Protein backbone atom coordinates (compact mmCIF):
# COMPACT_ATOMS: atom_id res chain seq x y z
CA MET A 1 -17.67 22.42 -6.52
CA ALA A 2 -13.95 23.16 -5.95
CA TYR A 3 -11.49 20.78 -4.26
CA PRO A 4 -8.24 21.47 -3.23
CA LEU A 5 -5.34 19.45 -4.92
CA LEU A 6 -3.27 18.33 -1.86
CA GLU A 7 -5.96 15.72 0.11
CA SER A 8 -5.15 13.03 2.23
CA PRO A 9 -1.25 13.17 2.19
CA VAL A 10 1.14 10.71 3.87
CA GLY A 11 4.52 11.83 4.68
CA GLU A 12 6.63 15.45 5.40
CA VAL A 13 7.77 16.59 1.65
CA PHE A 14 5.74 16.95 -1.72
CA PHE A 15 6.77 17.40 -5.18
CA PHE A 16 4.80 20.43 -6.54
CA ASN A 17 6.09 21.99 -10.30
CA GLY A 18 9.61 20.81 -10.31
CA ASP A 19 10.03 21.94 -6.10
CA LEU A 20 9.54 19.96 -3.13
CA VAL A 21 7.16 21.39 -0.73
CA ASN A 22 7.44 20.87 3.14
CA ALA A 23 4.45 19.68 5.02
CA GLY A 24 3.65 22.47 7.22
CA SER A 25 4.36 25.37 5.00
CA ASP A 26 2.70 27.90 3.46
CA LYS A 27 2.65 26.50 0.30
CA GLU A 28 0.97 23.06 1.62
CA LYS A 29 -1.43 25.54 3.02
CA GLU A 30 -1.98 26.82 -0.32
CA LEU A 31 -2.22 23.32 -1.96
CA ARG A 32 -4.91 22.59 0.53
CA THR A 33 -7.38 25.57 -0.19
CA PRO A 34 -10.05 24.71 -2.70
CA THR A 35 -9.23 25.93 -6.56
CA ASP A 36 -11.65 26.30 -9.27
CA SER A 37 -9.38 24.49 -11.83
CA VAL A 38 -10.41 20.94 -12.97
CA THR A 39 -8.37 18.94 -11.13
CA TYR A 40 -7.33 14.99 -12.69
CA TYR A 41 -6.18 12.39 -10.57
CA GLU A 42 -4.81 8.73 -9.97
CA THR A 43 -3.96 7.01 -7.24
CA VAL A 44 -0.90 4.23 -8.22
CA ARG A 45 -0.24 1.36 -5.98
CA ILE A 46 3.13 1.56 -4.46
CA LYS A 47 4.42 -2.32 -4.18
CA ASP A 48 7.80 -3.59 -3.11
CA GLY A 49 8.84 0.11 -4.34
CA VAL A 50 7.22 -0.25 -7.93
CA LEU A 51 4.58 1.70 -9.20
CA LEU A 52 2.24 -1.04 -9.85
CA TYR A 53 0.89 -0.56 -13.76
CA LEU A 54 2.11 2.86 -13.84
CA GLU A 55 1.86 3.00 -17.39
CA ASP A 56 -2.15 2.32 -17.16
CA HIS A 57 -2.31 5.14 -14.99
CA LEU A 58 -0.59 7.37 -16.69
CA ALA A 59 -3.14 6.67 -20.10
CA ARG A 60 -6.23 7.04 -18.23
CA LEU A 61 -5.00 10.49 -17.00
CA ARG A 62 -4.51 11.51 -20.52
CA LYS A 63 -7.77 9.98 -21.76
CA SER A 64 -9.42 12.07 -18.40
CA VAL A 65 -7.79 15.45 -19.78
CA LYS A 66 -8.93 14.66 -23.04
CA GLY A 67 -12.58 14.40 -22.17
CA ILE A 68 -12.71 17.66 -20.61
CA GLU A 69 -9.76 20.34 -21.53
CA ASP A 70 -7.72 18.47 -24.06
CA PHE A 71 -4.29 19.85 -23.06
CA PRO A 72 -0.83 18.29 -23.57
CA VAL A 73 -0.21 15.56 -21.02
CA ASP A 74 3.61 14.71 -20.76
CA THR A 75 3.10 10.91 -19.58
CA ASP A 76 7.24 10.27 -19.70
CA LEU A 77 7.80 13.36 -17.46
CA ILE A 78 4.79 12.51 -15.25
CA GLU A 79 6.69 9.00 -14.64
CA LYS A 80 10.24 10.32 -14.52
CA GLU A 81 9.35 12.88 -11.80
CA ALA A 82 6.88 9.88 -9.82
CA TYR A 83 9.65 7.42 -9.52
CA LYS A 84 11.96 10.03 -8.65
CA PHE A 85 10.38 11.45 -6.06
CA LEU A 86 9.66 8.18 -4.67
CA HIS A 87 13.29 6.85 -4.73
CA ASP A 88 14.77 9.88 -3.61
CA GLN A 89 12.16 11.03 -0.87
CA TYR A 90 10.64 7.73 0.13
CA PRO A 91 13.44 5.01 -0.73
CA ASP A 92 11.98 2.52 1.94
CA PHE A 93 8.71 2.94 1.52
CA LYS A 94 7.28 -0.50 0.20
CA GLU A 95 3.60 -0.36 0.13
CA GLY A 96 1.19 2.27 -0.19
CA ASN A 97 -0.46 4.66 -2.33
CA LEU A 98 1.20 7.12 -4.60
CA ARG A 99 -1.24 10.13 -6.23
CA ILE A 100 -0.46 12.14 -9.23
CA VAL A 101 -2.75 15.28 -9.38
CA ILE A 102 -2.63 17.79 -12.60
CA THR A 103 -4.35 20.54 -13.59
CA LYS A 104 -3.89 23.00 -16.51
CA GLU A 105 -1.38 24.67 -14.54
CA ASP A 106 -0.19 22.49 -12.24
CA MET A 107 1.55 19.08 -11.86
CA LEU A 108 1.70 17.45 -7.69
CA ILE A 109 3.09 14.00 -6.41
CA HIS A 110 2.47 13.12 -3.02
CA ILE A 111 2.17 9.92 -1.04
CA CYS A 112 -1.31 9.67 -0.04
CA GLU A 113 -3.39 7.66 2.79
CA ALA A 114 -3.96 3.89 1.42
CA ASN A 115 -7.02 1.62 3.05
CA ILE A 116 -4.87 -1.50 2.49
CA PRO A 117 -7.16 -4.37 3.32
CA SER A 118 -5.78 -6.86 6.28
CA LYS A 119 -5.12 -10.49 5.94
CA GLU A 120 -8.85 -11.15 7.57
CA HIS A 121 -10.47 -8.59 5.19
CA PHE A 122 -9.58 -11.46 2.40
CA ALA A 123 -9.82 -14.11 4.31
CA ASN A 124 -13.24 -13.61 5.15
CA GLY A 125 -14.64 -10.68 3.26
CA ILE A 126 -15.52 -7.18 3.79
CA ARG A 127 -18.80 -5.43 5.22
CA ALA A 128 -20.39 -3.10 2.55
CA SER A 129 -23.15 -0.85 2.42
CA LEU A 130 -25.38 0.54 -0.47
CA LEU A 131 -25.43 4.15 -1.90
CA LYS A 132 -28.11 5.15 -4.39
CA TRP A 133 -25.89 7.45 -6.79
CA ASP A 134 -25.68 7.49 -10.77
CA ARG A 135 -22.08 8.93 -11.27
CA VAL A 136 -21.56 11.45 -14.13
CA ASP A 137 -18.96 10.40 -16.56
CA PRO A 138 -17.55 7.79 -14.90
CA ASN A 139 -14.35 7.41 -16.85
CA ILE A 140 -13.12 10.68 -16.79
CA LYS A 141 -11.28 10.82 -13.38
CA VAL A 142 -11.86 14.44 -11.55
CA PHE A 143 -12.09 15.11 -8.19
CA ARG A 144 -16.03 16.07 -7.90
CA GLY A 145 -16.87 17.47 -4.55
CA ASP A 146 -20.83 16.69 -4.45
CA TYR A 147 -19.60 12.95 -5.21
CA LYS A 148 -17.14 13.06 -2.59
CA LYS A 149 -19.24 14.17 0.06
CA ALA A 150 -22.26 11.61 -0.21
CA VAL A 151 -19.38 8.84 -0.49
CA ALA A 152 -18.18 10.55 3.13
CA ASP A 153 -21.54 10.69 4.70
CA ALA A 154 -22.71 6.62 3.55
CA PHE A 155 -19.21 5.69 5.35
CA SER A 156 -20.17 7.82 8.46
CA ARG A 157 -23.72 6.17 8.68
CA SER A 158 -22.65 2.94 7.92
CA GLY A 159 -19.16 2.40 9.27
CA ALA A 160 -18.68 -0.05 6.33
CA TYR A 161 -15.43 -0.67 4.63
CA GLU A 162 -16.93 -0.11 0.97
CA LEU A 163 -19.83 1.42 -0.51
CA VAL A 164 -21.86 -0.44 -3.23
CA LEU A 165 -23.33 1.91 -5.90
CA ALA A 166 -27.09 1.64 -6.79
CA ASP A 167 -28.48 3.49 -9.71
CA SER A 168 -31.74 4.77 -10.60
CA ASN A 169 -32.90 1.94 -11.45
CA ASP A 170 -31.89 -0.13 -7.67
CA LYS A 171 -29.23 -1.61 -10.43
CA LEU A 172 -25.42 -2.47 -8.56
CA TYR A 173 -22.81 -1.30 -10.77
CA GLU A 174 -20.13 -0.63 -8.74
CA GLY A 175 -17.94 0.51 -5.86
CA SER A 176 -17.49 3.83 -4.49
CA LYS A 177 -13.89 3.40 -4.84
CA SER A 178 -13.43 -0.20 -7.12
CA ASN A 179 -15.03 -2.27 -9.24
CA LEU A 180 -17.81 -4.45 -8.55
CA PHE A 181 -18.33 -8.44 -9.59
CA VAL A 182 -21.30 -10.72 -9.13
CA VAL A 183 -19.97 -14.57 -9.55
CA ILE A 184 -22.82 -17.12 -10.00
CA GLY A 185 -21.41 -20.35 -11.03
CA ASN A 186 -18.78 -19.97 -13.27
CA LYS A 187 -20.15 -16.63 -14.76
CA VAL A 188 -18.84 -13.50 -13.72
CA TYR A 189 -21.35 -10.70 -14.10
CA SER A 190 -19.96 -6.77 -14.44
CA ALA A 191 -21.93 -3.64 -15.28
CA PRO A 192 -21.35 -2.15 -18.93
CA ASP A 193 -18.74 -0.12 -19.71
CA ASN A 194 -20.53 3.07 -20.06
CA LYS A 195 -21.94 3.10 -16.40
CA ILE A 196 -18.24 2.47 -14.26
CA LEU A 197 -14.58 3.76 -14.09
CA LEU A 198 -12.86 1.43 -16.44
CA GLY A 199 -10.29 0.52 -13.27
CA ILE A 200 -6.48 -0.63 -14.10
CA THR A 201 -7.07 -3.70 -11.61
CA ARG A 202 -10.41 -4.27 -13.72
CA ASN A 203 -8.27 -4.97 -16.65
CA ARG A 204 -6.36 -7.60 -15.00
CA VAL A 205 -9.28 -9.19 -13.33
CA MET A 206 -11.01 -9.83 -16.81
CA SER A 207 -7.70 -11.56 -18.21
CA SER A 208 -7.26 -13.49 -14.27
CA LEU A 209 -10.80 -14.81 -14.89
CA GLU A 210 -10.56 -16.55 -18.25
CA LYS A 211 -7.29 -18.19 -16.67
CA ALA A 212 -9.50 -19.56 -13.52
CA GLY A 213 -12.28 -20.89 -15.97
CA GLY A 214 -14.48 -18.22 -15.35
CA GLU A 215 -17.08 -16.39 -18.06
CA LEU A 216 -17.71 -12.85 -18.44
CA VAL A 217 -21.22 -11.13 -18.74
CA ILE A 218 -22.29 -7.69 -19.12
CA ASP A 219 -25.02 -7.25 -16.70
CA MET A 220 -26.58 -5.99 -13.64
CA PHE A 221 -28.32 -7.12 -10.44
CA THR A 222 -30.88 -5.57 -7.56
CA MET A 223 -30.37 -6.48 -4.16
CA ASP A 224 -33.57 -8.05 -3.86
CA GLU A 225 -32.64 -10.05 -7.38
CA LEU A 226 -29.25 -11.16 -5.56
CA LYS A 227 -31.15 -11.74 -2.48
CA GLU A 228 -33.25 -14.39 -4.41
CA THR A 229 -30.15 -16.17 -6.35
CA LYS A 230 -28.49 -18.93 -4.39
CA GLY A 231 -25.09 -19.29 -4.28
CA ALA A 232 -24.62 -15.37 -5.50
CA ALA A 233 -21.32 -13.99 -4.35
CA LEU A 234 -19.89 -10.59 -4.39
CA PHE A 235 -16.33 -9.38 -5.27
CA VAL A 236 -14.65 -5.53 -5.47
CA SER A 237 -11.37 -4.78 -7.19
CA SER A 238 -9.25 -1.71 -7.23
CA THR A 239 -5.59 -0.85 -6.78
CA PRO A 240 -5.70 -0.59 -3.34
CA PHE A 241 -8.01 -3.23 -2.69
CA ASP A 242 -6.64 -6.13 -5.58
CA ILE A 243 -9.27 -8.18 -5.34
CA LEU A 244 -11.78 -8.65 -1.72
CA PRO A 245 -14.84 -11.08 -1.72
CA ILE A 246 -17.80 -9.09 0.27
CA ARG A 247 -19.10 -10.56 3.02
CA SER A 248 -22.33 -8.35 3.45
CA VAL A 249 -24.43 -5.70 2.08
CA ASP A 250 -26.14 -4.10 4.73
CA ASP A 251 -28.29 -7.03 5.91
CA VAL A 252 -27.60 -9.36 3.09
CA VAL A 253 -24.97 -11.76 3.70
CA PHE A 254 -23.02 -13.87 1.27
CA ASP A 255 -20.92 -16.65 1.29
CA SER A 256 -18.01 -14.94 -1.04
CA ALA A 257 -14.66 -15.56 0.80
CA LYS A 258 -15.38 -19.36 -0.05
CA ASP A 259 -16.62 -18.92 -3.64
CA PRO A 260 -13.75 -21.23 -5.49
CA LEU A 261 -13.81 -18.95 -8.75
CA ILE A 262 -13.05 -15.58 -6.65
CA ARG A 263 -10.18 -17.68 -4.90
CA ASN A 264 -9.06 -18.75 -8.42
CA ILE A 265 -9.38 -15.74 -9.73
CA SER A 266 -7.26 -14.07 -7.14
CA ARG A 267 -4.58 -16.47 -7.45
CA CYS A 268 -4.53 -15.68 -11.24
CA TYR A 269 -4.11 -11.88 -10.28
CA LEU A 270 -2.00 -12.27 -7.59
CA ASP A 271 0.58 -14.59 -9.90
CA GLN A 272 0.47 -11.71 -12.71
CA ILE A 273 1.39 -8.73 -10.05
CA ALA A 274 4.03 -10.93 -8.97
CA LYS A 275 5.36 -11.10 -12.63
CA TYR A 276 5.13 -7.53 -12.95
CA ILE A 277 6.72 -6.55 -10.15
CA ASN A 278 10.32 -8.87 -10.92
CA GLU A 279 10.19 -7.40 -14.45
CA ARG A 280 10.69 -3.87 -12.85
CA ARG A 281 12.51 -4.37 -10.00
């Protein structure tokens, strides 16, 4: 399914192939027109003016390209242009998302909408809803129109903050825009790598859970299994979310926000972020 290069932009100017494009221009309308080109993208968190873990995002972008078309990707140039665009055009923009989109011919960089959680979401957990969907090549990050439509429809029906994906065997494996973790006691369960997008934040969660005293286990559960598991708690991680506890999945309620291990993992993760930002200011 064809999809446009420019999606959910914020601001009055975008960067495209070395030039600045103004919002409302004919060029912007062209960028909003669906293209048949394979479109690769990364959404990078802006925090305190720093592009958080940009090097990891660019490594994943290169991996996505290699998985389909294998054309050269100049990550040094992309990093230089991303920071130049951010600092020159949005010098006071300290919190949000920057999207990098490339095809075999084009490169687009722009500020995009960011669904940054509130303090209440972190304190009490989020509402989620179940979506049955088997993702294709989850580690290749390209725009997929059928998936985006299914997700948009599910959000519209449920009003949930995030969706939890279940595969054809009803096993929960990840969020629609996040990685999913199940916590039972001191064990933290995650789906196998080949089932999920290997998120940038997820890598930091792995090291944080070790520091917090958790043990990683590769396994998945159905909702029915979790209903029967005393003390089960869930959280998601992603670039905009950091680490968010899940309060409910449809009508199944979890006490995730009070889980001591999730709190400790989150604390260790936020310490990593603070260190990263301080080293790059």
